[in-house]
C-alpha cells in the first residue's frame, strides 16, 4: 500500500470501507451471488406497497426474492414507504446501498461520538467488524447502524436547535425501539425536543395511515407483535429479557408477562441512571444506558440490534489511548470477547433446542442480555442513592461529549467532536 493510500485510509476510513462494499455489491450483482437478507425484506415490503399487495402477509407473488417470500414485514407501514428507493436496484445492489450507508454511519458513530481520529479512529472503525452485531448487520443488510447514527446525532448534536428530537422521531418511525429515547429527552431536560420527536413520529405514521390505511390497521392489530412471534420467541438470537425468560421457562405462558414487568423496571432504572450521568456531563454514557435498556426491554432484540456497543468500545479505546490505564484495557478486552459472538455459535440453536439448554449453555447462549443486565445493575448501584449509600456515589466514568454549558467561564469551551 502506497503512502497516499495509507493516508486516505487513516483520514477517511469509513469512505474506504464504503467503497469496498460498493465494489463487492457490483461484483456480486454481476456474478449473481446471494447477498443480504433483511434488506431484501425491506425491499419486498416496499415492492408490495408499490404494487398494492398486502404488506403484512407472506409475499408469495414476489418476482425474484424467493428467500423472503415467507418472511413477514414487521416494521410500521411508513417504513415501507421510506424503503421504496431500494426497489430501484437489483438485490445485490440494494444490499450495497445499505452497506455503504451503514459504513458511513459507522464512521459517524466512531468519530462524532468519541472524537477519535487518525490512526486510532481508523483502527477502531476497522476493529468494530470484530463485533458480531456489526458484521452481522452488514451481512444481513440491516438498518441498525443507520438508526444508531440518527439517535446519536440527535442527542449529541441537535440539542438547542429547532431540529432537536426530529431524528429520534424518524428513527422510531422505522423501528419502534428508539421511542424510548423520547423519555430519554424528557429526563435529560429536553422537553421541547421530546415533543418534536413525538410530533415527527406521529406525523410520519399519519402519513403512512393516509397512504396505506388497510396495512396500518393490519399492523396495529397483529403485525406489530405477531410477525416474528414476538411475545414468545425463544430463538437464541433473541438477546432480550423476554428471549432469556422464554428459553429459561420452556416458553411458559407467564414468561412474556414477567419479561414485560422486568423490562419496565429496567427502563425506569436506566432512565434514572441516564439522568444522573447526563447531569454529570457524561452525555454519551447516558445515551448508551438508555440504548441498553431498550434492547433488554424489547420483546425481540436480535443480536445485531446491540450495535450500540460500538461507541462504548470507542470510548474505551479513547480512554486507553489517553491514559494507558489497565482498567479500560481489561474492559475493552472483555467487551470484545463477549460481543465477538463466539458463544452464540457453540450452543445448539433452532427447532426448539434452546428450550433444552443446560446451565452452561444458558450462560453461553445469553451473553448480551446477561452482560447488559449486570452492567445496568452495577451502574444503578453505584450511581443511584440508597438507604446505606450517600447521594453522591463513588465516581463511575462513562466518558463522552460534555455539555458546553458546564465548561468554566474562564476557559474556552472544548471543541465538540
Protein backbone atom coordinates (compact mmCIF):
# COMPACT_ATOMS: atom_id res chain seq x y z
CA UNK A 1 0.00 0.00 0.00
CA UNK A 2 1.41 3.37 -1.03
CA UNK A 3 1.78 6.22 1.49
CA UNK A 4 -1.02 8.07 -0.31
CA UNK A 5 -3.39 5.12 0.07
CA UNK A 6 -2.46 4.70 3.73
CA UNK A 7 -3.14 8.38 4.29
CA UNK A 8 -6.62 8.08 2.73
CA UNK A 9 -7.39 5.05 4.89
CA UNK A 10 -6.32 6.91 8.03
CA UNK A 11 -8.12 10.14 7.19
CA UNK A 12 -11.29 8.67 5.67
CA UNK A 13 -11.63 5.05 6.81
CA UNK A 14 -15.42 4.99 6.55
CA UNK A 15 -15.28 6.15 2.92
CA UNK A 16 -12.73 3.49 2.08
CA UNK A 17 -14.82 0.76 3.68
CA UNK A 18 -17.96 2.09 1.97
CA UNK A 19 -16.12 1.96 -1.36
CA UNK A 20 -15.09 -1.64 -0.79
CA UNK A 21 -18.69 -2.60 -0.05
CA UNK A 22 -19.86 -0.80 -3.18
CA UNK A 23 -17.35 -2.73 -5.32
CA UNK A 24 -18.37 -6.00 -3.62
CA UNK A 25 -22.03 -5.32 -4.37
CA UNK A 26 -21.34 -4.64 -8.04
CA UNK A 27 -19.23 -7.82 -8.36
CA UNK A 28 -21.91 -9.81 -6.55
CA UNK A 29 -24.55 -8.45 -8.87
CA UNK A 30 -22.58 -9.32 -11.98
CA UNK A 31 -21.81 -12.83 -10.72
CA UNK A 32 -25.26 -13.47 -9.26
CA UNK A 33 -24.12 -14.02 -5.66
CA UNK A 34 -26.80 -14.27 -2.97
CA UNK A 35 -26.20 -11.19 -0.79
CA UNK A 36 -28.07 -9.74 2.16
CA UNK A 37 -31.34 -10.88 3.61
CA UNK A 38 -33.07 -8.31 5.80
CA UNK A 39 -32.56 -5.62 3.16
CA UNK A 40 -34.46 -7.93 0.81
CA UNK A 41 -37.34 -7.91 3.31
CA UNK A 42 -37.27 -4.09 3.35
CA UNK A 43 -37.24 -4.11 -0.45
CA UNK A 44 -40.02 -6.68 -0.59
CA UNK A 45 -42.22 -4.57 1.70
CA UNK A 46 -41.63 -1.53 -0.46
CA UNK A 47 -42.39 -3.57 -3.59
CA UNK A 48 -45.66 -4.77 -2.02
CA UNK A 49 -46.70 -1.19 -1.29
CA UNK A 50 -45.90 -0.05 -4.83
CA UNK A 51 -47.88 -2.95 -6.31
CA UNK A 52 -50.89 -2.82 -4.00
CA UNK A 53 -50.11 -6.08 -2.22
CA UNK A 54 -50.88 -6.69 1.50
CA UNK A 55 -47.84 -5.61 3.48
CA UNK A 56 -48.23 -7.99 6.43
CA UNK A 57 -48.89 -11.23 4.57
CA UNK A 58 -46.32 -13.61 3.02
CA UNK A 59 -45.36 -12.14 -0.33
CA UNK A 60 -45.78 -15.25 -2.47
CA UNK A 61 -46.05 -13.21 -5.66
CA UNK A 62 -42.61 -11.64 -5.43
CA UNK A 63 -40.76 -11.82 -8.74
CA UNK A 64 -37.21 -12.55 -7.61
CA UNK A 65 -36.99 -12.81 -3.83
CA UNK A 66 -37.79 -16.45 -3.13
CA UNK A 67 -35.69 -16.36 0.04
CA UNK A 68 -38.00 -13.82 1.69
CA UNK A 69 -41.39 -14.88 0.38
CA UNK A 70 -42.44 -16.42 3.67
CA UNK A 71 -40.90 -13.77 5.90
CA UNK A 72 -43.13 -11.06 7.37
CA UNK A 73 -42.56 -7.33 7.14
CA UNK A 74 -42.65 -6.26 10.80
CA UNK A 75 -41.98 -2.53 10.54
CA UNK A 76 -44.58 0.29 10.54
CA UNK A 77 -46.24 0.96 7.17
CA UNK A 78 -44.43 4.28 6.79
CA UNK A 79 -41.13 2.38 6.91
CA UNK A 80 -42.15 0.54 3.75
CA UNK A 81 -42.65 3.94 2.09
CA UNK A 82 -39.20 5.04 3.24
CA UNK A 83 -37.66 1.85 1.82
CA UNK A 84 -39.13 2.34 -1.68
CA UNK A 85 -35.81 3.61 -3.17
CA UNK A 86 -34.41 0.10 -2.65
CA UNK A 87 -36.80 -1.20 -5.32
CA UNK A 88 -34.80 0.73 -7.91
CA UNK A 89 -31.89 -1.70 -7.56
CA UNK A 90 -31.29 -5.44 -8.07
CA UNK A 91 -30.96 -7.47 -4.89
CA UNK A 92 -27.19 -7.27 -4.62
CA UNK A 93 -27.07 -3.55 -5.32
CA UNK A 94 -29.82 -2.92 -2.77
CA UNK A 95 -27.61 -4.69 -0.24
CA UNK A 96 -24.75 -2.49 -1.42
CA UNK A 97 -26.78 0.66 -0.80
CA UNK A 98 -27.48 -0.45 2.76
CA UNK A 99 -23.85 -1.49 3.31
CA UNK A 100 -22.44 1.80 2.02
CA UNK A 101 -24.87 3.83 4.14
CA UNK A 102 -24.08 1.68 7.18
CA UNK A 103 -20.32 2.09 6.68
CA UNK A 104 -20.70 5.87 6.64
CA UNK A 105 -22.96 5.67 9.69
CA UNK A 106 -20.34 3.56 11.47
CA UNK A 107 -17.74 6.20 10.71
CA UNK A 108 -20.03 8.87 12.13
CA UNK A 109 -20.66 6.83 15.28
CA UNK A 110 -16.93 6.37 15.94
CA UNK A 111 -15.82 9.87 15.04
CA UNK A 112 -18.65 12.08 16.28
CA UNK A 113 -19.45 10.06 19.36
CA UNK A 114 -15.91 9.90 20.73
CA UNK A 115 -13.75 12.28 18.72
CA UNK A 116 -11.38 9.50 17.64
CA UNK A 117 -9.48 10.46 14.51
CA UNK A 118 -6.33 9.48 12.67
CA UNK A 119 -4.84 6.05 13.24
CA UNK A 120 -6.85 5.43 16.42
CA UNK A 121 -10.12 6.25 14.65
CA UNK A 122 -9.28 4.11 11.62
CA UNK A 123 -8.24 1.13 13.73
CA UNK A 124 -11.36 1.47 15.89
CA UNK A 125 -13.63 1.54 12.85
CA UNK A 126 -11.94 -1.49 11.30
CA UNK A 127 -11.82 -3.26 14.66
CA UNK A 128 -15.57 -2.77 15.05
CA UNK A 129 -16.03 -5.51 12.44
CA UNK A 130 -14.78 -8.00 15.05
CA UNK A 131 -18.03 -7.36 16.94
CA UNK A 132 -20.85 -9.71 15.98
CA UNK A 133 -23.61 -7.05 15.99
CA UNK A 134 -21.60 -5.08 13.43
CA UNK A 135 -20.57 -7.75 10.96
CA UNK A 136 -23.97 -9.41 11.16
CA UNK A 137 -25.72 -6.09 10.48
CA UNK A 138 -23.61 -5.68 7.35
CA UNK A 139 -24.07 -9.28 6.26
CA UNK A 140 -27.85 -9.07 6.57
CA UNK A 141 -28.16 -5.57 5.12
CA UNK A 142 -29.67 -4.36 8.37
CA UNK A 143 -30.69 -0.80 9.26
CA UNK A 144 -29.31 -0.85 12.82
CA UNK A 145 -26.27 1.37 12.32
CA UNK A 146 -28.30 3.97 10.48
CA UNK A 147 -30.78 4.21 13.35
CA UNK A 148 -27.93 4.41 15.88
CA UNK A 149 -26.39 7.27 13.91
CA UNK A 150 -29.71 9.12 13.83
CA UNK A 151 -30.17 8.81 17.59
CA UNK A 152 -26.58 9.81 18.35
CA UNK A 153 -26.77 12.81 16.02
CA UNK A 154 -29.96 13.96 17.73
CA UNK A 155 -28.72 13.51 21.29
CA UNK A 156 -25.18 14.81 20.76
CA UNK A 157 -25.53 17.46 18.06
CA UNK A 158 -29.09 18.80 17.85
CA UNK A 159 -29.62 19.94 21.43
CA UNK A 160 -30.77 23.55 21.42
CA UNK A 161 -31.63 23.58 17.72
CA UNK A 162 -35.02 23.67 16.06
CA UNK A 163 -34.37 20.15 14.73
CA UNK A 164 -33.78 18.57 18.13
CA UNK A 165 -35.84 15.39 18.50
CA UNK A 166 -36.70 15.10 14.81
CA UNK A 167 -34.12 12.41 14.07
CA UNK A 168 -35.27 10.31 17.02
CA UNK A 169 -38.84 10.61 15.70
CA UNK A 170 -37.62 9.49 12.27
CA UNK A 171 -35.73 6.52 13.72
CA UNK A 172 -38.79 5.46 15.73
CA UNK A 173 -40.94 5.64 12.60
CA UNK A 174 -38.71 2.99 11.03
CA UNK A 175 -38.40 0.80 14.14
CA UNK A 176 -40.35 1.34 17.36
CA UNK A 177 -37.49 0.70 19.81
CA UNK A 178 -35.99 4.23 19.52
CA UNK A 179 -39.22 5.58 21.03
CA UNK A 180 -37.56 5.08 24.42
CA UNK A 181 -35.31 8.00 23.57
CA UNK A 182 -38.33 10.29 23.81
CA UNK A 183 -38.28 9.51 27.54
CA UNK A 184 -34.51 9.99 27.45
CA UNK A 185 -35.02 13.52 26.10
CA UNK A 186 -37.52 14.22 28.87
CA UNK A 187 -35.32 13.06 31.75
CA UNK A 188 -32.36 14.98 30.37
CA UNK A 189 -34.29 18.25 30.27
CA UNK A 190 -35.13 18.42 26.55
CA UNK A 191 -38.91 18.66 26.75
CA UNK A 192 -39.34 20.65 23.54
CA UNK A 193 -37.18 18.12 21.70
CA UNK A 194 -39.23 15.26 23.15
CA UNK A 195 -42.42 16.88 21.85
CA UNK A 196 -40.78 17.37 18.47
CA UNK A 197 -39.76 13.71 18.41
CA UNK A 198 -43.32 12.62 19.18
CA UNK A 199 -44.65 15.03 16.57
CA UNK A 200 -42.27 13.68 13.91
CA UNK A 201 -43.13 10.08 14.79
CA UNK A 202 -46.88 10.72 14.79
CA UNK A 203 -46.74 12.81 11.63
CA UNK A 204 -44.85 10.16 9.68
CA UNK A 205 -47.19 7.42 10.87
CA UNK A 206 -50.24 9.51 9.97
CA UNK A 207 -48.74 9.82 6.51
CA UNK A 208 -48.41 6.03 6.42
CA UNK A 209 -52.01 5.65 7.58
CA UNK A 210 -53.28 8.03 4.89
CA UNK A 211 -51.39 6.26 2.12
CA UNK A 212 -51.81 2.71 3.47
CA UNK A 213 -54.93 2.62 5.67
CA UNK A 214 -55.56 -1.12 5.38
CA UNK A 215 -51.95 -2.01 6.12
CA UNK A 216 -51.98 0.36 9.10
CA UNK A 217 -54.96 -1.48 10.60
CA UNK A 218 -53.22 -4.82 9.96
CA UNK A 219 -50.07 -3.53 11.66
CA UNK A 220 -51.90 -2.26 14.74
CA UNK A 221 -53.98 -5.43 15.11
CA UNK A 222 -51.27 -8.02 14.63
CA UNK A 223 -48.31 -7.10 12.51
CA UNK A 224 -46.64 -5.09 15.27
CA UNK A 225 -46.13 -8.07 17.60
CA UNK A 226 -47.23 -11.12 15.68
CA UNK A 227 -44.90 -11.10 12.69
CA UNK A 228 -41.88 -12.66 14.43
CA UNK A 229 -43.93 -14.29 17.20
CA UNK A 230 -42.54 -11.52 19.39
CA UNK A 231 -44.29 -12.45 22.62
CA UNK A 232 -42.95 -15.99 22.70
CA UNK A 233 -39.80 -16.03 20.59
CA UNK A 234 -37.25 -18.32 22.25
CA UNK A 235 -34.68 -18.49 19.45
CA UNK A 236 -31.16 -17.95 20.75
CA UNK A 237 -30.64 -14.89 18.58
CA UNK A 238 -33.25 -13.04 20.63
CA UNK A 239 -30.98 -11.35 23.18
CA UNK A 240 -33.67 -9.66 25.26
CA UNK A 241 -35.13 -10.32 28.69
CA UNK A 242 -38.13 -11.90 27.01
CA UNK A 243 -35.92 -14.21 24.94
CA UNK A 244 -33.99 -15.25 28.04
CA UNK A 245 -37.14 -15.98 30.05
CA UNK A 246 -38.74 -17.85 27.16
CA UNK A 247 -35.71 -20.14 26.99
CA UNK A 248 -35.38 -20.45 30.74
CA UNK A 249 -39.05 -21.30 31.29
CA UNK A 250 -39.55 -23.53 28.27
CA UNK A 251 -41.89 -20.92 26.74
CA UNK A 252 -44.19 -20.89 29.73
CA UNK A 253 -47.34 -18.83 29.42
CA UNK A 254 -46.22 -16.44 32.15
CA UNK A 255 -42.78 -15.72 30.65
CA UNK A 256 -43.80 -12.76 28.50
CA UNK A 257 -45.71 -11.09 31.34
CA UNK A 258 -42.75 -11.43 33.69
CA UNK A 259 -40.41 -10.16 30.96
CA UNK A 260 -42.68 -7.15 30.43
CA UNK A 261 -42.55 -6.27 34.13
CA UNK A 262 -38.79 -6.82 34.28
CA UNK A 263 -38.34 -4.72 31.15
CA UNK A 264 -40.38 -1.89 32.64
CA UNK A 265 -38.19 -1.97 35.76
CA UNK A 266 -35.06 -1.87 33.57
CA UNK A 267 -36.40 1.14 31.69
CA UNK A 268 -37.19 3.08 34.86
CA UNK A 269 -33.82 2.29 36.42
CA UNK A 270 -31.97 3.08 33.19
CA UNK A 271 -33.67 6.46 32.82
CA UNK A 272 -32.74 7.37 36.39
CA UNK A 273 -29.14 6.36 35.73
CA UNK A 274 -29.16 8.22 32.40
CA UNK A 275 -30.39 11.38 34.11
CA UNK A 276 -27.63 11.14 36.72
CA UNK A 277 -24.97 10.56 34.05
CA UNK A 278 -26.28 13.44 31.95
CA UNK A 279 -26.14 15.78 34.93
CA UNK A 280 -22.52 14.74 35.46
CA UNK A 281 -21.81 15.73 31.87
CA UNK A 282 -21.48 12.17 30.54
CA UNK A 283 -23.91 12.65 27.65
CA UNK A 284 -22.88 9.67 25.54
CA UNK A 285 -22.74 7.42 28.60
CA UNK A 286 -26.34 8.37 29.36
CA UNK A 287 -27.34 7.57 25.78
CA UNK A 288 -25.71 4.13 25.96
CA UNK A 289 -27.54 3.28 29.18
CA UNK A 290 -30.88 4.09 27.55
CA UNK A 291 -29.95 2.05 24.47
CA UNK A 292 -29.11 -0.92 26.69
CA UNK A 293 -32.49 -0.68 28.42
CA UNK A 294 -34.25 -0.55 25.06
CA UNK A 295 -32.51 -3.75 23.95
CA UNK A 296 -33.31 -5.51 27.23
CA UNK A 297 -36.95 -4.46 27.37
CA UNK A 298 -37.93 -5.05 23.74
CA UNK A 299 -39.79 -8.36 23.22
CA UNK A 300 -37.30 -9.14 20.46
CA UNK A 301 -33.75 -7.82 20.35
CA UNK A 302 -31.80 -9.77 17.79
CA UNK A 303 -28.10 -9.95 18.50
CA UNK A 304 -27.40 -7.45 15.72
CA UNK A 305 -29.58 -4.87 17.49
CA UNK A 306 -26.76 -4.43 20.05
CA UNK A 307 -24.69 -2.24 17.72
CA UNK A 308 -24.52 0.46 20.41
CA UNK A 309 -21.55 -1.46 21.84
CA UNK A 310 -19.53 0.26 19.08
CA UNK A 311 -19.48 3.73 20.69
CA UNK A 312 -18.87 2.07 24.05
CA UNK A 313 -15.84 0.26 22.62
CA UNK A 314 -14.68 3.50 21.01
CA UNK A 315 -14.92 5.30 24.35
CA UNK A 316 -12.74 2.63 25.94
CA UNK A 317 -10.24 2.90 23.06
CA UNK A 318 -10.05 6.64 23.63
CA UNK A 319 -9.52 6.14 27.34
CA UNK A 320 -6.75 3.62 26.70
CA UNK A 321 -5.10 5.95 24.20
CA UNK A 322 -5.21 8.88 26.60
CA UNK A 323 -4.31 7.22 29.88
CA UNK A 324 -2.93 3.76 29.12
CA UNK A 325 -4.72 2.62 32.28
CA UNK A 326 -5.18 -1.07 32.96
CA UNK A 327 -8.91 -0.96 33.80
CA UNK A 328 -10.16 0.33 30.41
CA UNK A 329 -7.86 -2.19 28.68
CA UNK A 330 -9.48 -5.02 30.60
CA UNK A 331 -12.96 -3.67 29.96
CA UNK A 332 -12.25 -3.31 26.25
CA UNK A 333 -10.88 -6.85 26.08
CA UNK A 334 -13.90 -8.21 27.90
CA UNK A 335 -16.25 -6.29 25.62
CA UNK A 336 -14.61 -7.73 22.50
CA UNK A 337 -14.64 -11.27 23.91
CA UNK A 338 -18.35 -11.11 24.79
CA UNK A 339 -19.60 -9.26 21.70
CA UNK A 340 -17.48 -11.15 19.19
CA UNK A 341 -20.43 -13.52 19.41
CA UNK A 342 -18.37 -16.71 19.59
CA UNK A 343 -20.52 -18.17 22.36
CA UNK A 344 -23.64 -17.93 20.19
CA UNK A 345 -22.04 -20.42 17.79
CA UNK A 346 -21.17 -23.11 20.34
CA UNK A 347 -24.68 -23.68 21.70
CA UNK A 348 -27.42 -25.57 19.83
CA UNK A 349 -30.00 -23.28 18.22
CA UNK A 350 -33.15 -23.72 16.20
CA UNK A 351 -36.03 -26.19 16.19
CA UNK A 352 -36.64 -25.57 19.91
CA UNK A 353 -33.23 -26.80 21.04
CA UNK A 354 -32.80 -23.65 23.13
CA UNK A 355 -35.55 -24.92 25.41
CA UNK A 356 -33.30 -27.83 26.42
CA UNK A 357 -30.20 -25.81 27.26
CA UNK A 358 -28.36 -26.76 30.42
CA UNK A 359 -26.97 -24.16 32.84
CA UNK A 360 -23.68 -23.71 30.95
CA UNK A 361 -25.43 -23.42 27.60
CA UNK A 362 -27.81 -20.86 29.09
CA UNK A 363 -24.83 -18.82 30.25
CA UNK A 364 -23.11 -19.05 26.86
CA UNK A 365 -26.29 -18.53 24.87
CA UNK A 366 -27.44 -15.34 26.61
CA UNK A 367 -24.25 -13.25 26.67
CA UNK A 368 -25.61 -9.87 25.62
CA UNK A 369 -28.70 -9.84 27.81
CA UNK A 370 -26.78 -11.11 30.84
CA UNK A 371 -23.93 -8.60 30.45
CA UNK A 372 -26.38 -5.77 29.76
CA UNK A 373 -28.40 -6.59 32.87
CA UNK A 374 -25.31 -6.83 35.07
CA UNK A 375 -23.84 -3.57 33.77
CA UNK A 376 -27.12 -1.73 34.26
CA UNK A 377 -27.41 -3.14 37.78
CA UNK A 378 -23.86 -2.12 38.71
CA UNK A 379 -24.37 1.40 37.37
CA UNK A 380 -27.63 1.72 39.27
CA UNK A 381 -25.99 0.54 42.50
CA UNK A 382 -23.08 2.93 42.07
CA UNK A 383 -24.94 5.99 40.81
CA UNK A 384 -28.37 5.97 42.42
CA UNK A 385 -28.73 6.90 46.10
CA UNK A 386 -29.91 4.24 48.52
CA UNK A 387 -30.59 3.93 52.25
CA UNK A 388 -27.00 2.93 53.01
CA UNK A 389 -25.23 4.98 50.34
CA UNK A 390 -24.55 8.69 50.01
CA UNK A 391 -26.41 10.71 47.40
CA UNK A 392 -23.11 11.43 45.65
CA UNK A 393 -21.75 7.96 44.82
CA UNK A 394 -18.24 6.88 44.06
CA UNK A 395 -17.19 8.15 40.64
CA UNK A 396 -18.15 5.98 37.71
CA UNK A 397 -16.78 7.15 34.38
CA UNK A 398 -18.58 6.60 31.11
CA UNK A 399 -16.80 9.38 29.26
CA UNK A 400 -18.48 11.19 26.45
CA UNK A 401 -19.15 14.60 24.97
CA UNK A 402 -19.88 17.06 27.77
CA UNK A 403 -22.30 19.97 27.56
CA UNK A 404 -20.51 23.18 26.76
CA UNK A 405 -22.51 24.98 29.42
CA UNK A 406 -20.60 23.04 32.05
CA UNK A 407 -17.27 24.50 30.99
CA UNK A 408 -15.83 27.04 33.44
CA UNK A 409 -16.41 30.59 32.26
CA UNK A 410 -12.70 31.35 32.40
CA UNK A 411 -11.83 28.56 29.97
CA UNK A 412 -12.79 28.22 26.30
CA UNK A 413 -15.41 25.59 25.54
CA UNK A 414 -13.88 22.41 24.22
CA UNK A 415 -14.41 21.69 20.59
CA UNK A 416 -17.42 19.47 20.12
CA UNK A 417 -16.38 16.22 18.43
